[in-house]
Structures are given as structure tokens and as C-alpha cells.
Amino acid sequence: MSDTITTRLENNVFYITMNRPDSLNAANEEMLVAMTQALTSAERDANVRCVVITGAGRGFCSGADLKSGIHGSLKEHLDRTFRPLVSRMRSIAKPVVTAVNGMAAGAGASIALAGDIRVFAESAVFVEAFIGIALIPDAGSTWFLPRLVGYNRAFDLMVNAEKVKSEDAYRMGLCERVYPDADFMARVTELAEKLATGPTTTIGLTKRALNKAMTVSFEEALEYEGQLQDIAGASADFKEGVQAFLEKRPAKFTGK
């Protein structure tokens, strides 16, 4: 495993930490490939029922590492690095929490947006910094941001590159929770471990349904819901959930 990230599995939560703190976790090719590989391993591991992505030190991710250089065209670089990562984050059938502990800039902001639940520390800052080097937002930002905040606000954030503080990020809908710096990771862990005790298969199906619904008609979304509901209804967790409801006790889900 590359030393550009660290990973650990605890209480069914798989933590991926970007580990280049001296550069605010600027993303070089090695780190991005390692993150994608770690997510692939997590997807295959039945013991993993939630994923948390965060950064070491003061930053979440300051964007692409411009100092390391880019080999080939920009598109070729994206196709090798950021595209596989954010695609895997969206497709993995397990909840992904992006724990934004500090600066999330440029493509680092895109990684933050790709999470299923985005949690910001009070001191976190979000900025679409691409315009400063005359590039368009990439790594999924042009897809995520207007769906979260609307076209006009997304355009404003992208072309003016103004820094968004955590309280404003919450108000805009860029994150779902803001936690105090002092106990940020403890609160993230609490959230992740709660997700990890849920019906993992059904959470993955919910993710699939939402991803599909973002780009299809209402009738197509209804049809897909029905198909996925049949899959959820065949799960062991569905049977346990119904039994627990009838017995008036908390369900004990196994993720199967």
C-alpha cells in the first residue's frame, strides 16, 4: 500500500486517510490510484459496511498536485486518476462519508462532494479553485455542484472561486453536518459506526436508486424503485427488520 494514504478497518468502518499533510494532501497520481484501489478492496470485503474518507493534518485535500506534473493530456490524466476515484465512490454499494477536516479546494472539493454524506469541521473551507489556473472544474464538480446548489450559484462559486466557510456550506447544501473541530473525528466515527450497523445491502440499493433518479424520468425512477425493492425484499435484513418490528425490539442487521 502506498504511503500517500493510510487505511484501517474498525467496527466495520473502513477509514481512508489522504496522507500528504505537508501539501494539505495535494493529490498526486500515486495517491489517487491508491485511494481507488482501497475502495475496490473495501467493496469486496464483507466486513466493510461504511467508508470514511478524510485527510491527515490541517487539510482535507488542496486539489491536484501541480508540482508533481501531469503526464499526457489533461483528459488522460483525469481518466487515470480522479475519474476512477469519484466513479468508485459513487458506485460502491456502501455508504461513503467524506469527513472534510480542513481545506477542500479544486479537485479536493470534488472528492468531498462525491461522498454520500458530507461532514465538515467548523474550520473547514470549500473552494472551487480551478479558475485561478484557467481550468474548468473537473472530477465531477460540474455534475455535483449544480445539483446541490443550482446552476447560478454553482457558476458563481466556480468562476469567482470564493472560499465557502462551513456554516455557509451547510446553508447552501454542500454538506449535511458540521461538527466542532475539537471532537470532529469522534463525531464522524459515531456517525459512520451507526451507518455500519444498518442494512448495508439496502443502503447500497438506496444509493443506486438515487444515482439513477438523478438522470431519468419520474416513471423510469418508479420502475427502477420496484426492481430494487424486490432485491431488498429478498434480503435477510428485510426479514429481520419485519420480525423486529413485530416483536417491538431494535433490529439487528447483518448487512446481508
Protein backbone atom coordinates (compact mmCIF):
# COMPACT_ATOMS: atom_id res chain seq x y z
CA MET A 1 0.00 0.00 0.00
CA SER A 2 1.26 3.46 -0.89
CA ASP A 3 2.34 5.70 1.98
CA THR A 4 0.34 8.52 0.37
CA ILE A 5 -2.71 7.12 2.17
CA THR A 6 -3.36 5.21 5.37
CA THR A 7 -6.20 2.75 5.88
CA ARG A 8 -7.72 0.95 8.83
CA LEU A 9 -10.82 -1.13 9.50
CA GLU A 10 -12.53 -0.70 12.84
CA ASN A 11 -16.06 -1.72 13.87
CA ASN A 12 -16.94 -2.39 10.22
CA VAL A 13 -15.90 1.13 9.20
CA PHE A 14 -13.07 1.44 6.66
CA TYR A 15 -11.09 4.68 7.03
CA ILE A 16 -9.10 6.05 4.10
CA THR A 17 -6.89 8.98 5.08
CA MET A 18 -5.09 11.05 2.47
CA ASN A 19 -1.59 11.25 3.90
CA ARG A 20 0.36 14.10 2.39
CA PRO A 21 -0.12 16.67 5.17
CA ASP A 22 2.86 18.84 4.18
CA SER A 23 0.99 19.79 0.99
CA LEU A 24 -2.50 19.81 2.56
CA ASN A 25 -2.91 16.40 0.92
CA ALA A 26 -2.45 17.66 -2.63
CA ALA A 27 -3.47 14.75 -4.84
CA ASN A 28 -0.73 13.19 -6.94
CA GLU A 29 -1.28 10.22 -9.22
CA GLU A 30 0.09 7.73 -6.71
CA MET A 31 -2.34 8.85 -4.02
CA LEU A 32 -5.38 8.83 -6.29
CA VAL A 33 -4.63 5.36 -7.65
CA ALA A 34 -4.08 4.08 -4.10
CA MET A 35 -7.42 5.52 -2.97
CA THR A 36 -9.25 3.85 -5.84
CA GLN A 37 -7.56 0.53 -5.07
CA ALA A 38 -8.50 0.87 -1.40
CA LEU A 39 -12.13 1.48 -2.32
CA THR A 40 -12.11 -1.55 -4.61
CA SER A 41 -10.83 -3.68 -1.73
CA ALA A 42 -13.45 -2.22 0.60
CA GLU A 43 -16.21 -3.02 -1.86
CA ARG A 44 -15.17 -6.68 -1.94
CA ASP A 45 -14.77 -7.01 1.84
CA ALA A 46 -17.99 -8.06 3.56
CA ASN A 47 -16.58 -6.77 6.85
CA VAL A 48 -16.66 -3.23 5.47
CA ARG A 49 -20.09 -1.69 5.91
CA CYS A 50 -19.19 2.00 5.73
CA VAL A 51 -16.28 4.01 4.28
CA VAL A 52 -14.87 7.27 5.64
CA ILE A 53 -12.54 9.43 3.54
CA THR A 54 -10.62 12.20 5.30
CA GLY A 55 -7.27 13.99 5.29
CA ALA A 56 -4.24 13.96 7.57
CA GLY A 57 -3.16 17.17 9.28
CA ARG A 58 -4.81 20.54 8.64
CA GLY A 59 -6.30 19.87 5.22
CA PHE A 60 -8.75 17.56 3.53
CA CYS A 61 -7.31 17.92 0.01
CA SER A 62 -5.93 21.04 -1.64
CA GLY A 63 -6.57 19.70 -5.13
CA ALA A 64 -4.30 18.24 -7.77
CA ASP A 65 -0.60 18.31 -7.01
CA LEU A 66 0.64 20.72 -9.68
CA LYS A 67 4.26 20.31 -8.54
CA SER A 68 4.34 16.63 -9.48
CA GLY A 69 3.47 17.38 -13.08
CA ILE A 70 0.95 15.76 -15.42
CA HIS A 71 1.86 13.01 -17.88
CA GLY A 72 -0.07 13.10 -21.12
CA SER A 73 -3.08 15.29 -21.81
CA LEU A 74 -5.24 16.63 -19.01
CA LYS A 75 -8.07 14.28 -20.02
CA GLU A 76 -5.72 11.30 -19.98
CA HIS A 77 -4.58 12.32 -16.51
CA LEU A 78 -8.18 12.63 -15.28
CA ASP A 79 -9.09 9.27 -16.81
CA ARG A 80 -6.24 7.60 -14.88
CA THR A 81 -6.75 9.34 -11.56
CA PHE A 82 -9.75 11.38 -10.47
CA ARG A 83 -12.35 9.80 -12.74
CA PRO A 84 -11.88 6.23 -11.42
CA LEU A 85 -11.86 7.52 -7.85
CA VAL A 86 -15.06 9.56 -7.88
CA SER A 87 -16.80 6.95 -10.04
CA ARG A 88 -15.92 4.28 -7.49
CA MET A 89 -17.13 6.49 -4.64
CA ARG A 90 -20.50 6.86 -6.37
CA SER A 91 -20.85 3.21 -7.39
CA ILE A 92 -19.64 1.35 -4.28
CA ALA A 93 -22.70 -0.28 -2.71
CA LYS A 94 -21.80 1.02 0.75
CA PRO A 95 -22.19 4.46 2.32
CA VAL A 96 -19.23 6.80 1.85
CA VAL A 97 -18.73 9.63 4.34
CA THR A 98 -16.38 12.42 3.30
CA ALA A 99 -15.04 13.95 6.52
CA VAL A 100 -13.77 17.36 5.46
CA ASN A 101 -11.39 18.29 8.26
CA GLY A 102 -9.85 21.35 6.58
CA MET A 103 -9.31 22.91 3.17
CA ALA A 104 -11.11 21.21 0.28
CA ALA A 105 -10.02 23.01 -2.88
CA GLY A 106 -10.26 22.32 -6.59
CA ALA A 107 -10.42 18.59 -7.24
CA GLY A 108 -10.27 18.13 -3.47
CA ALA A 109 -13.65 19.86 -3.36
CA SER A 110 -14.85 17.39 -5.98
CA ILE A 111 -13.77 14.45 -3.81
CA ALA A 112 -15.64 15.99 -0.89
CA LEU A 113 -18.81 16.38 -2.99
CA ALA A 114 -18.65 12.75 -4.18
CA GLY A 115 -19.45 11.41 -0.72
CA ASP A 116 -22.92 10.14 0.18
CA ILE A 117 -22.82 12.12 3.41
CA ARG A 118 -20.50 15.12 3.65
CA VAL A 119 -19.40 16.26 7.09
CA PHE A 120 -17.44 19.49 7.58
CA ALA A 121 -15.37 20.54 10.55
CA GLU A 122 -16.16 24.06 11.76
CA SER A 123 -12.81 25.28 10.39
CA ALA A 124 -13.24 23.57 7.01
CA VAL A 125 -13.17 25.67 3.87
CA PHE A 126 -14.55 24.73 0.44
CA VAL A 127 -13.36 26.45 -2.74
CA GLU A 128 -13.73 25.71 -6.45
CA ALA A 129 -10.21 26.94 -7.18
CA PHE A 130 -9.86 25.83 -10.82
CA ILE A 131 -10.43 29.26 -12.38
CA GLY A 132 -7.25 30.51 -10.73
CA ILE A 133 -5.21 28.39 -13.13
CA ALA A 134 -7.63 28.84 -16.06
CA LEU A 135 -9.09 25.33 -15.91
CA ILE A 136 -12.70 24.22 -15.67
CA PRO A 137 -13.91 22.37 -12.58
CA ASP A 138 -13.40 18.64 -13.02
CA ALA A 139 -13.52 15.32 -11.12
CA GLY A 140 -17.30 15.59 -11.10
CA SER A 141 -17.78 19.11 -9.75
CA THR A 142 -19.77 20.23 -12.81
CA TRP A 143 -22.20 17.35 -12.14
CA PHE A 144 -22.41 17.54 -8.35
CA LEU A 145 -22.43 21.25 -7.63
CA PRO A 146 -25.40 22.47 -9.72
CA ARG A 147 -27.48 19.58 -8.43
CA LEU A 148 -26.74 20.68 -4.88
CA VAL A 149 -26.94 24.46 -5.13
CA GLY A 150 -28.47 25.24 -8.54
CA TYR A 151 -26.89 26.40 -11.79
CA ASN A 152 -26.44 30.08 -10.94
CA ARG A 153 -24.85 29.59 -7.55
CA ALA A 154 -22.63 26.83 -8.93
CA PHE A 155 -21.49 29.14 -11.73
CA ASP A 156 -20.79 31.92 -9.24
CA LEU A 157 -18.75 29.62 -6.98
CA MET A 158 -16.81 28.27 -9.95
CA VAL A 159 -15.91 31.49 -11.75
CA ASN A 160 -15.31 33.64 -8.67
CA ALA A 161 -13.60 30.94 -6.60
CA GLU A 162 -14.77 32.43 -3.33
CA LYS A 163 -13.99 30.44 -0.20
CA VAL A 164 -17.05 28.95 1.49
CA LYS A 165 -16.89 28.51 5.25
CA SER A 166 -18.54 25.53 6.91
CA GLU A 167 -21.64 27.36 8.15
CA ASP A 168 -22.31 28.71 4.65
CA ALA A 169 -21.58 25.31 3.13
CA TYR A 170 -24.26 23.82 5.38
CA ARG A 171 -26.73 26.56 4.47
CA MET A 172 -26.10 26.03 0.73
CA GLY A 173 -26.43 22.25 0.97
CA LEU A 174 -22.76 21.45 0.31
CA CYS A 175 -22.64 19.37 3.48
CA GLU A 176 -25.14 17.57 5.68
CA ARG A 177 -23.44 18.13 9.04
CA VAL A 178 -20.94 20.49 10.67
CA TYR A 179 -19.07 19.22 13.74
CA PRO A 180 -16.80 21.16 16.14
CA ASP A 181 -13.09 20.85 15.47
CA ALA A 182 -12.40 19.61 18.99
CA ASP A 183 -14.32 16.35 18.58
CA PHE A 184 -14.65 16.20 14.80
CA MET A 185 -13.35 12.69 14.18
CA ALA A 186 -15.12 11.31 17.25
CA ARG A 187 -18.42 12.60 15.85
CA VAL A 188 -17.57 11.29 12.38
CA THR A 189 -16.81 7.88 13.88
CA GLU A 190 -20.12 7.88 15.75
CA LEU A 191 -21.99 8.62 12.50
CA ALA A 192 -20.04 6.04 10.50
CA GLU A 193 -20.50 3.29 13.08
CA LYS A 194 -24.23 3.97 13.12
CA LEU A 195 -24.31 3.55 9.33
CA ALA A 196 -22.22 0.38 9.66
CA THR A 197 -24.91 -1.22 11.83
CA GLY A 198 -27.59 -0.59 9.22
CA PRO A 199 -28.90 -2.89 6.47
CA THR A 200 -25.86 -2.49 4.19
CA THR A 201 -27.39 -4.18 1.15
CA THR A 202 -30.43 -1.92 1.30
CA ILE A 203 -28.28 1.17 1.81
CA GLY A 204 -26.38 0.21 -1.34
CA LEU A 205 -29.65 -0.23 -3.23
CA THR A 206 -30.85 3.15 -1.98
CA LYS A 207 -27.66 4.67 -3.36
CA ARG A 208 -28.26 3.00 -6.72
CA ALA A 209 -31.84 4.28 -6.81
CA LEU A 210 -30.81 7.86 -6.08
CA ASN A 211 -27.99 7.82 -8.62
CA LYS A 212 -30.41 6.56 -11.26
CA ALA A 213 -33.17 9.01 -10.33
CA MET A 214 -30.83 11.97 -10.90
CA THR A 215 -30.84 11.38 -14.66
CA VAL A 216 -34.11 9.62 -15.62
CA SER A 217 -37.80 10.47 -15.82
CA PHE A 218 -40.21 10.05 -12.91
CA GLU A 219 -41.80 6.96 -14.46
CA GLU A 220 -38.39 5.39 -15.06
CA ALA A 221 -37.46 6.09 -11.45
CA LEU A 222 -40.65 4.39 -10.25
CA GLU A 223 -39.87 1.34 -12.37
CA TYR A 224 -36.33 1.12 -11.05
CA GLU A 225 -37.56 1.51 -7.46
CA GLY A 226 -39.77 -1.53 -7.96
CA GLN A 227 -36.92 -3.61 -9.33
CA LEU A 228 -34.63 -2.71 -6.45
CA GLN A 229 -37.38 -3.20 -3.88
CA ASP A 230 -37.69 -6.82 -4.98
CA ILE A 231 -33.97 -7.25 -4.29
CA ALA A 232 -34.26 -5.56 -0.89
CA GLY A 233 -37.28 -7.68 -0.03
CA ALA A 234 -35.26 -10.86 -0.58
CA SER A 235 -32.57 -9.81 1.91
CA ALA A 236 -32.06 -11.33 5.34
CA ASP A 237 -32.12 -7.83 6.80
CA PHE A 238 -35.65 -7.25 5.49
CA LYS A 239 -36.84 -10.37 7.26
CA GLU A 240 -35.05 -9.29 10.45
CA GLY A 241 -36.47 -5.77 10.19
CA VAL A 242 -40.04 -7.03 9.90
CA GLN A 243 -39.56 -9.52 12.74
CA ALA A 244 -38.05 -6.85 14.96
CA PHE A 245 -40.96 -4.52 14.19
CA LEU A 246 -43.50 -7.19 15.10
CA GLU A 247 -41.61 -8.05 18.28
CA LYS A 248 -41.20 -4.35 19.16
CA ARG A 249 -37.40 -4.56 19.50
CA PRO A 250 -34.44 -2.94 17.74
CA ALA A 251 -33.42 -4.73 14.57
CA LYS A 252 -30.05 -6.43 14.44
CA PHE A 253 -28.95 -6.06 10.86
CA THR A 254 -26.07 -8.09 9.43
CA GLY A 255 -25.74 -6.23 6.14
CA LYS A 256 -26.96 -9.25 4.16
